[in-house]
Amino acid sequence: MGKRALVLGGGFAGLESAIRLRARGFEVTLVSDRPYLFIHPTSIWIPTGELPFEEACLDLAGVAARRGFELRVGKVEELEGASRRAKVDGRRLAADHLVVALGASRLRPQGVEHTVTLGGDPAAATSFRVALEALLARGRGRIAVGFGGNPRAPSAVRGGPAFEVAFNLDALLRRRGLRDRFELTFFAPMARPGERMGAKAVEAVGRMLARQGIAARTGRKIASFDAGGVALEGGERIDADLVAFLPAGDGHPVVKASDLPRDEAGFVRVDAGCAVPGMPGVWAVGDVAALEGPAWSAKQGHLAQAMARVAADNAASCEAGGAPCASYLAHLAIVCLMDTGTGGALVYRDDRTERLVPLPVVGHWMKKAWGRYFKAERRGVVPRVPGM
């Protein structure tokens, strides 16, 4: 083939792909729809005012210059796996290796426009902050925070940030002396939200919600949203002045319109080496890919980066005349440093163990430190810590 690589997507998986491929000797072009990588794990503090929007952004041009790859900011409009081509802002780009790292789209339940959404468009974090401050200025109210499901792709459900936002709102209200004037409700359609973390973690999080006086409404599917809150199946409601909602992931529209093999939710089918079957030189990594593995498997940033390294290493092996041997399955694990606004908890699960380690006070600062480390490491200022 050759050593030109085209990476589509500037998120966790895409940036890691570009860095790893360049380190493996490829000429790399990274296409991103915005000039920065939005660091979703730390963006939970934007609505509460604890983190400026800019601090959750990593400038990609600076990383590209330091790491030695080309950055193109533009919208991917089409992609063709068979020819390893993509159409970006009307221009056709091609390469010897095509890495698809476009992430996922989000399901849009009826009336979702009445919510502030989490985990999607970065601008929504600022909108959330504005709406929250307006409500707090009134001195009392009701806030509901929750996440949705996708039965066609359970691994694309990411509920951790919703828990974190609920806990951080509780902490903010207590700091301002307003907690007794606001109702906080957590909602999810599953009977045991967060079950992928393991039974111990689910029980611990449930106790944490109860301890903070956050009501839990779970086990009822979301029928719709409206200006007055959340309508649940069966006629139940959650009345709220402000609803923060994290929709489940779904296949990216560009992928759904492409020739790439997909599962029923629109995620790209890949083998254990992140190669797209039947399309030599085409790889899919991160949230855009359909995961195989245990029922508890979940799409997370650390796994997206591991998949990117696996694909890059296998591409390099192919170029050297060898066979792909790296597998993302060895990296399947749930790792989450859940922030509560005043502390945190470390959640870990793999095939052998599941645990939740409470980290009062220090957990909050550990996550803050991780945010600074992540930006420095991506820029090449500090070395990567194995496993991070």
Protein backbone atom coordinates (compact mmCIF):
# COMPACT_ATOMS: atom_id res chain seq x y z
CA MET A 1 0.00 0.00 0.00
CA GLY A 2 1.84 3.08 1.25
CA LYS A 3 2.36 5.21 4.31
CA ARG A 4 -0.19 7.99 3.89
CA ALA A 5 -2.94 7.97 6.48
CA LEU A 6 -6.16 9.98 6.57
CA VAL A 7 -7.81 10.21 9.99
CA LEU A 8 -11.42 11.40 10.13
CA GLY A 9 -12.39 12.89 13.48
CA GLY A 10 -10.62 15.10 16.00
CA GLY A 11 -11.80 13.54 19.26
CA PHE A 12 -10.00 11.21 21.64
CA ALA A 13 -9.73 8.36 19.12
CA GLY A 14 -8.86 10.55 16.14
CA LEU A 15 -6.13 12.53 17.86
CA GLU A 16 -4.56 9.39 19.34
CA SER A 17 -4.65 7.81 15.87
CA ALA A 18 -2.84 10.77 14.33
CA ILE A 19 -0.18 10.81 17.05
CA ARG A 20 0.43 7.06 16.95
CA LEU A 21 0.47 6.79 13.16
CA ARG A 22 2.93 9.65 12.91
CA ALA A 23 5.15 7.96 15.49
CA ARG A 24 4.98 4.85 13.31
CA GLY A 25 6.33 6.75 10.32
CA PHE A 26 3.13 7.56 8.44
CA GLU A 27 2.37 10.85 6.74
CA VAL A 28 -0.82 11.82 8.54
CA THR A 29 -3.69 14.17 7.79
CA LEU A 30 -6.20 14.66 10.59
CA VAL A 31 -9.63 16.06 9.69
CA SER A 32 -11.61 17.66 12.51
CA ASP A 33 -14.89 19.56 12.35
CA ARG A 34 -13.56 22.09 14.87
CA PRO A 35 -10.11 23.49 15.64
CA TYR A 36 -10.06 22.05 19.14
CA LEU A 37 -10.64 18.78 20.95
CA PHE A 38 -13.37 19.19 23.55
CA ILE A 39 -12.46 17.40 26.77
CA HIS A 40 -15.86 16.04 27.79
CA PRO A 41 -14.70 14.49 31.11
CA THR A 42 -13.78 17.91 32.53
CA SER A 43 -16.61 19.83 30.84
CA ILE A 44 -18.92 18.77 33.71
CA TRP A 45 -17.59 21.83 35.57
CA ILE A 46 -18.53 24.38 32.91
CA PRO A 47 -22.23 24.63 33.93
CA THR A 48 -21.32 25.18 37.58
CA GLY A 49 -18.76 27.85 36.71
CA GLU A 50 -15.84 25.88 38.11
CA LEU A 51 -14.12 25.60 34.73
CA PRO A 52 -14.01 28.20 31.92
CA PHE A 53 -15.09 26.83 28.55
CA GLU A 54 -11.63 27.43 27.09
CA GLU A 55 -10.02 25.19 29.71
CA ALA A 56 -11.99 22.22 28.36
CA CYS A 57 -10.56 22.80 24.87
CA LEU A 58 -7.27 21.54 23.44
CA ASP A 59 -6.00 23.49 20.43
CA LEU A 60 -5.36 20.94 17.68
CA ALA A 61 -3.12 23.17 15.57
CA GLY A 62 -0.58 23.35 18.36
CA VAL A 63 -0.64 19.58 18.83
CA ALA A 64 -0.30 19.01 15.08
CA ALA A 65 2.71 21.31 14.85
CA ARG A 66 4.46 19.64 17.76
CA ARG A 67 3.57 16.08 16.76
CA GLY A 68 4.27 16.51 13.05
CA PHE A 69 0.96 15.78 11.34
CA GLU A 70 -1.27 17.91 9.10
CA LEU A 71 -4.53 19.31 10.46
CA ARG A 72 -7.50 20.13 8.24
CA VAL A 73 -10.49 21.76 9.88
CA GLY A 74 -13.60 20.91 7.92
CA LYS A 75 -16.75 18.84 7.76
CA VAL A 76 -16.65 15.26 6.53
CA GLU A 77 -19.56 15.05 4.09
CA GLU A 78 -19.01 11.61 2.58
CA LEU A 79 -16.68 8.67 2.92
CA GLU A 80 -15.97 5.68 0.71
CA GLY A 81 -14.31 2.74 2.38
CA ALA A 82 -13.65 0.74 -0.78
CA SER A 83 -11.54 3.55 -2.26
CA ARG A 84 -10.30 4.94 1.08
CA ARG A 85 -11.60 8.39 0.21
CA ALA A 86 -13.52 11.12 1.99
CA LYS A 87 -15.21 14.30 0.88
CA VAL A 88 -14.33 17.21 3.17
CA ASP A 89 -15.95 20.59 2.52
CA GLY A 90 -16.42 19.62 -1.12
CA ARG A 91 -12.88 18.38 -1.63
CA ARG A 92 -11.94 14.72 -2.14
CA LEU A 93 -9.13 13.36 0.04
CA ALA A 94 -7.58 9.91 -0.29
CA ALA A 95 -4.88 7.90 1.46
CA ASP A 96 -3.34 4.45 1.75
CA HIS A 97 -4.94 4.00 5.16
CA LEU A 98 -8.28 5.47 6.20
CA VAL A 99 -9.02 5.70 9.92
CA VAL A 100 -12.64 6.47 10.73
CA ALA A 101 -12.93 8.13 14.15
CA LEU A 102 -16.02 10.30 13.66
CA GLY A 103 -17.61 9.41 16.97
CA ALA A 104 -21.34 8.92 17.37
CA SER A 105 -24.44 10.98 16.81
CA ARG A 106 -27.07 11.26 19.53
CA LEU A 107 -30.60 9.94 19.64
CA ARG A 108 -33.19 12.70 19.77
CA PRO A 109 -36.24 11.78 21.84
CA GLN A 110 -39.40 13.79 21.27
CA GLY A 111 -39.08 17.27 22.76
CA VAL A 112 -35.35 17.02 23.49
CA GLU A 113 -35.04 20.67 22.41
CA HIS A 114 -36.61 21.53 25.79
CA THR A 115 -33.51 20.17 27.55
CA VAL A 116 -29.90 21.22 27.86
CA THR A 117 -27.99 18.32 26.39
CA LEU A 118 -24.85 16.77 27.81
CA GLY A 119 -22.04 15.00 25.98
CA GLY A 120 -22.68 16.42 22.52
CA ASP A 121 -22.24 19.90 21.07
CA PRO A 122 -19.68 21.76 23.22
CA ALA A 123 -21.75 24.95 23.01
CA ALA A 124 -24.45 23.20 25.05
CA ALA A 125 -22.23 23.38 28.14
CA THR A 126 -22.31 27.18 27.99
CA SER A 127 -26.07 27.17 27.34
CA PHE A 128 -26.46 24.99 30.41
CA ARG A 129 -24.50 27.49 32.50
CA VAL A 130 -26.64 30.41 31.32
CA ALA A 131 -29.90 28.54 31.98
CA LEU A 132 -28.70 27.37 35.39
CA GLU A 133 -27.65 30.84 36.52
CA ALA A 134 -31.00 32.26 35.43
CA LEU A 135 -32.81 29.62 37.48
CA LEU A 136 -30.59 30.12 40.53
CA ALA A 137 -31.27 33.85 40.37
CA ARG A 138 -34.94 33.04 40.99
CA GLY A 139 -33.97 31.54 44.32
CA ARG A 140 -35.87 28.26 44.06
CA GLY A 141 -36.83 25.61 41.53
CA ARG A 142 -36.67 22.03 40.30
CA ILE A 143 -33.82 20.49 38.31
CA ALA A 144 -33.84 17.05 36.68
CA VAL A 145 -30.71 15.32 35.37
CA GLY A 146 -30.68 12.04 33.49
CA PHE A 147 -29.60 9.93 30.56
CA GLY A 148 -31.25 7.80 27.91
CA GLY A 149 -30.75 4.35 26.45
CA ASN A 150 -30.33 2.72 23.06
CA PRO A 151 -31.57 -0.90 23.04
CA ARG A 152 -29.88 -1.46 19.67
CA ALA A 153 -26.48 -0.45 21.07
CA PRO A 154 -26.26 -0.76 24.87
CA SER A 155 -22.50 -0.08 24.83
CA ALA A 156 -23.23 3.41 23.42
CA VAL A 157 -25.02 4.43 26.62
CA ARG A 158 -22.83 6.65 28.78
CA GLY A 159 -24.44 7.57 32.09
CA GLY A 160 -21.44 8.50 34.23
CA PRO A 161 -21.40 12.21 33.27
CA ALA A 162 -25.08 12.52 34.21
CA PHE A 163 -24.34 11.22 37.71
CA GLU A 164 -21.42 13.65 37.95
CA VAL A 165 -23.53 16.62 36.86
CA ALA A 166 -26.21 15.76 39.43
CA PHE A 167 -23.65 15.57 42.23
CA ASN A 168 -21.93 18.78 41.12
CA LEU A 169 -25.25 20.64 41.02
CA ASP A 170 -25.92 19.45 44.56
CA ALA A 171 -22.48 20.71 45.64
CA LEU A 172 -23.03 24.08 43.94
CA LEU A 173 -26.40 24.59 45.61
CA ARG A 174 -24.90 23.78 49.01
CA ARG A 175 -22.03 26.23 48.46
CA ARG A 176 -24.54 28.96 47.68
CA GLY A 177 -26.82 28.10 50.58
CA LEU A 178 -29.70 27.22 48.23
CA ARG A 179 -29.93 23.45 48.55
CA ASP A 180 -33.12 23.50 50.63
CA ARG A 181 -34.85 25.64 47.98
CA PHE A 182 -34.21 23.33 45.04
CA GLU A 183 -35.45 19.86 44.20
CA LEU A 184 -32.93 17.64 42.43
CA THR A 185 -34.09 14.54 40.57
CA PHE A 186 -32.04 11.93 38.74
CA PHE A 187 -33.78 9.90 36.03
CA ALA A 188 -32.99 7.04 33.65
CA PRO A 189 -35.08 4.43 31.82
CA MET A 190 -33.14 1.48 33.29
CA ALA A 191 -34.19 -0.06 36.58
CA ARG A 192 -30.54 -0.04 37.69
CA PRO A 193 -28.77 2.78 35.86
CA GLY A 194 -25.02 2.39 35.70
CA GLU A 195 -25.21 -1.40 35.97
CA ARG A 196 -22.29 -1.79 33.57
CA MET A 197 -20.08 -0.46 36.35
CA GLY A 198 -20.99 -3.51 38.44
CA ALA A 199 -23.46 -4.27 41.22
CA LYS A 200 -21.25 -2.79 43.95
CA ALA A 201 -20.90 0.50 42.10
CA VAL A 202 -24.63 0.74 41.35
CA GLU A 203 -25.49 0.23 45.01
CA ALA A 204 -22.85 2.72 46.14
CA VAL A 205 -24.02 5.40 43.71
CA GLY A 206 -27.60 4.83 44.83
CA ARG A 207 -26.57 5.44 48.41
CA MET A 208 -24.68 8.58 47.38
CA LEU A 209 -27.79 9.98 45.65
CA ALA A 210 -29.95 9.26 48.69
CA ARG A 211 -27.40 10.77 51.07
CA GLN A 212 -27.41 14.03 49.12
CA GLY A 213 -31.20 14.15 48.95
CA ILE A 214 -31.30 13.61 45.18
CA ALA A 215 -34.51 11.80 44.24
CA ALA A 216 -34.13 8.87 41.83
CA ARG A 217 -36.78 8.11 39.19
CA THR A 218 -35.63 5.02 37.31
CA GLY A 219 -37.10 2.07 35.46
CA ARG A 220 -39.56 4.10 33.36
CA LYS A 221 -38.92 4.79 29.69
CA ILE A 222 -38.81 8.42 28.61
CA ALA A 223 -41.87 9.27 26.53
CA SER A 224 -40.99 12.89 25.75
CA PHE A 225 -39.73 16.19 27.08
CA ASP A 226 -41.66 19.45 27.25
CA ALA A 227 -41.31 22.92 28.72
CA GLY A 228 -42.50 21.62 32.09
CA GLY A 229 -40.22 18.62 32.48
CA VAL A 230 -40.12 14.94 31.53
CA ALA A 231 -43.04 12.73 30.53
CA LEU A 232 -42.51 9.05 31.33
CA GLU A 233 -44.30 6.03 29.93
CA GLY A 234 -47.35 5.09 31.94
CA GLY A 235 -48.45 8.67 32.46
CA GLU A 236 -45.92 9.61 35.12
CA ARG A 237 -44.08 12.93 35.03
CA ILE A 238 -41.04 14.64 36.46
CA ASP A 239 -41.88 18.31 36.77
CA ALA A 240 -38.79 20.47 36.34
CA ASP A 241 -37.79 24.03 35.53
CA LEU A 242 -34.53 22.81 34.00
CA VAL A 243 -33.74 19.40 32.50
CA ALA A 244 -30.18 18.29 31.71
CA PHE A 245 -30.17 15.20 29.51
CA LEU A 246 -27.45 12.93 28.14
CA PRO A 247 -28.83 11.10 25.07
CA ALA A 248 -27.51 7.67 24.12
CA GLY A 249 -25.20 7.34 21.15
CA ASP A 250 -26.26 6.24 17.68
CA GLY A 251 -24.47 5.69 14.39
CA HIS A 252 -22.92 8.74 12.71
CA PRO A 253 -25.01 9.93 9.71
CA VAL A 254 -21.99 9.99 7.38
CA VAL A 255 -21.23 6.39 8.31
CA LYS A 256 -24.85 5.35 7.80
CA ALA A 257 -24.73 6.79 4.28
CA SER A 258 -21.41 5.09 3.43
CA ASP A 259 -20.37 1.67 2.12
CA LEU A 260 -18.89 0.61 5.46
CA PRO A 261 -20.39 -2.52 7.09
CA ARG A 262 -22.53 -1.53 10.06
CA ASP A 263 -24.57 -2.99 12.88
CA GLU A 264 -28.27 -2.22 13.31
CA ALA A 265 -27.54 1.02 15.17
CA GLY A 266 -25.21 2.28 12.43
CA PHE A 267 -21.85 1.64 14.09
CA VAL A 268 -18.96 0.33 11.95
CA ARG A 269 -18.23 -3.37 12.22
CA VAL A 270 -14.58 -4.10 13.00
CA ASP A 271 -12.49 -7.11 13.92
CA ALA A 272 -10.41 -7.37 17.08
CA GLY A 273 -7.64 -5.39 15.37
CA CYS A 274 -10.03 -2.50 14.53
CA ALA A 275 -9.86 -3.34 10.81
CA VAL A 276 -13.05 -3.03 8.78
CA PRO A 277 -13.77 -6.47 7.28
CA GLY A 278 -13.42 -6.69 3.49
CA MET A 279 -11.81 -3.25 3.19
CA PRO A 280 -8.00 -3.44 3.36
CA GLY A 281 -6.45 -0.32 4.84
CA VAL A 282 -9.68 0.88 6.46
CA TRP A 283 -9.92 1.07 10.24
CA ALA A 284 -12.59 2.30 12.66
CA VAL A 285 -11.83 3.32 16.23
CA GLY A 286 -13.59 4.86 19.21
CA ASP A 287 -17.30 5.56 19.50
CA VAL A 288 -17.90 5.10 15.76
CA ALA A 289 -17.07 1.38 16.01
CA ALA A 290 -19.38 -1.45 17.04
CA LEU A 291 -17.91 -3.10 20.13
CA GLU A 292 -17.62 -6.82 20.71
CA GLY A 293 -17.03 -8.26 24.15
CA PRO A 294 -18.82 -8.85 27.47
CA ALA A 295 -22.33 -7.52 28.02
CA TRP A 296 -20.95 -4.85 30.36
CA SER A 297 -18.63 -3.38 27.70
CA ALA A 298 -18.93 0.38 27.34
CA LYS A 299 -17.49 3.05 25.08
CA GLN A 300 -15.13 5.33 26.98
CA GLY A 301 -12.28 7.69 26.18
CA HIS A 302 -9.54 5.36 27.40
CA LEU A 303 -10.87 2.55 25.20
CA ALA A 304 -11.12 4.89 22.21
CA GLN A 305 -7.44 5.73 22.63
CA ALA A 306 -6.51 2.06 23.04
CA MET A 307 -8.37 1.20 19.84
CA ALA A 308 -6.51 3.99 18.05
CA ARG A 309 -3.15 2.57 19.13
CA VAL A 310 -4.21 -0.94 18.12
CA ALA A 311 -5.25 0.22 14.64
CA ALA A 312 -2.07 2.25 14.14
CA ASP A 313 0.16 -0.61 15.25
CA ASN A 314 -1.66 -3.04 12.98
CA ALA A 315 -1.43 -0.63 10.04
CA ALA A 316 2.32 -0.36 10.63
CA SER A 317 2.58 -4.14 10.81
CA CYS A 318 0.78 -4.46 7.47
CA GLU A 319 3.16 -1.96 5.90
CA ALA A 320 6.12 -3.99 7.18
CA GLY A 321 4.75 -7.11 5.53
CA GLY A 322 3.48 -8.68 8.72
CA ALA A 323 0.04 -9.61 9.96
CA PRO A 324 -2.06 -7.53 12.36
CA CYS A 325 -1.61 -8.90 15.87
CA ALA A 326 -2.78 -6.17 18.28
CA SER A 327 -6.32 -6.48 19.68
CA TYR A 328 -8.54 -3.97 21.44
CA LEU A 329 -10.28 -6.79 23.32
CA ALA A 330 -7.37 -6.91 25.75
CA HIS A 331 -8.20 -3.32 26.74
CA LEU A 332 -11.88 -3.83 27.54
CA ALA A 333 -12.50 -2.42 31.00
CA ILE A 334 -14.60 0.26 32.61
CA VAL A 335 -12.45 2.94 34.24
CA CYS A 336 -14.16 6.01 35.64
CA LEU A 337 -13.05 8.67 38.12
CA MET A 338 -16.51 9.88 39.08
CA ASP A 339 -16.49 13.43 40.41
CA THR A 340 -18.98 14.55 43.04
CA GLY A 341 -18.04 18.21 43.28
CA THR A 342 -16.45 17.75 46.71
CA GLY A 343 -14.71 14.42 46.20
CA GLY A 344 -14.97 11.43 43.93
CA ALA A 345 -14.90 7.68 43.51
CA LEU A 346 -12.78 5.44 41.32
CA VAL A 347 -14.83 2.83 39.47
CA TYR A 348 -13.12 -0.14 37.81
CA ARG A 349 -14.50 -3.26 36.16
CA ASP A 350 -13.07 -5.97 33.95
CA ASP A 351 -13.68 -9.70 33.42
CA ARG A 352 -12.18 -10.57 36.78
CA THR A 353 -13.13 -7.84 39.19
CA GLU A 354 -15.37 -4.89 39.93
CA ARG A 355 -14.71 -2.24 42.53
CA LEU A 356 -15.60 1.26 43.64
CA VAL A 357 -13.07 3.12 45.77
CA PRO A 358 -14.41 6.24 47.55
CA LEU A 359 -12.04 9.20 47.29
CA PRO A 360 -13.37 11.95 49.57
CA VAL A 361 -11.92 15.38 48.74
CA VAL A 362 -8.88 14.03 46.89
CA GLY A 363 -10.99 12.51 44.09
CA HIS A 364 -12.12 15.96 42.94
CA TRP A 365 -8.55 17.23 42.73
CA MET A 366 -7.35 14.04 41.06
CA LYS A 367 -9.79 14.63 38.22
CA LYS A 368 -8.71 18.27 37.98
CA ALA A 369 -5.08 17.11 37.79
CA TRP A 370 -5.97 14.56 35.11
CA GLY A 371 -7.40 17.36 32.96
CA ARG A 372 -4.13 19.27 33.11
CA TYR A 373 -2.10 16.12 32.50
CA PHE A 374 -4.20 15.19 29.47
CA LYS A 375 -3.59 18.50 27.74
CA ALA A 376 0.13 18.48 28.52
CA GLU A 377 0.56 14.89 27.34
CA ARG A 378 -1.33 15.46 24.09
CA ARG A 379 0.95 18.42 23.38
CA GLY A 380 3.98 16.21 23.97
CA VAL A 381 5.12 18.21 26.99
CA VAL A 382 5.02 15.23 29.37
CA PRO A 383 5.23 11.50 28.57
CA ARG A 384 2.15 9.31 28.50
CA VAL A 385 1.54 7.40 31.71
CA PRO A 386 0.73 3.76 30.80
CA GLY A 387 -2.96 3.08 31.23
CA MET A 388 -3.96 6.76 30.96
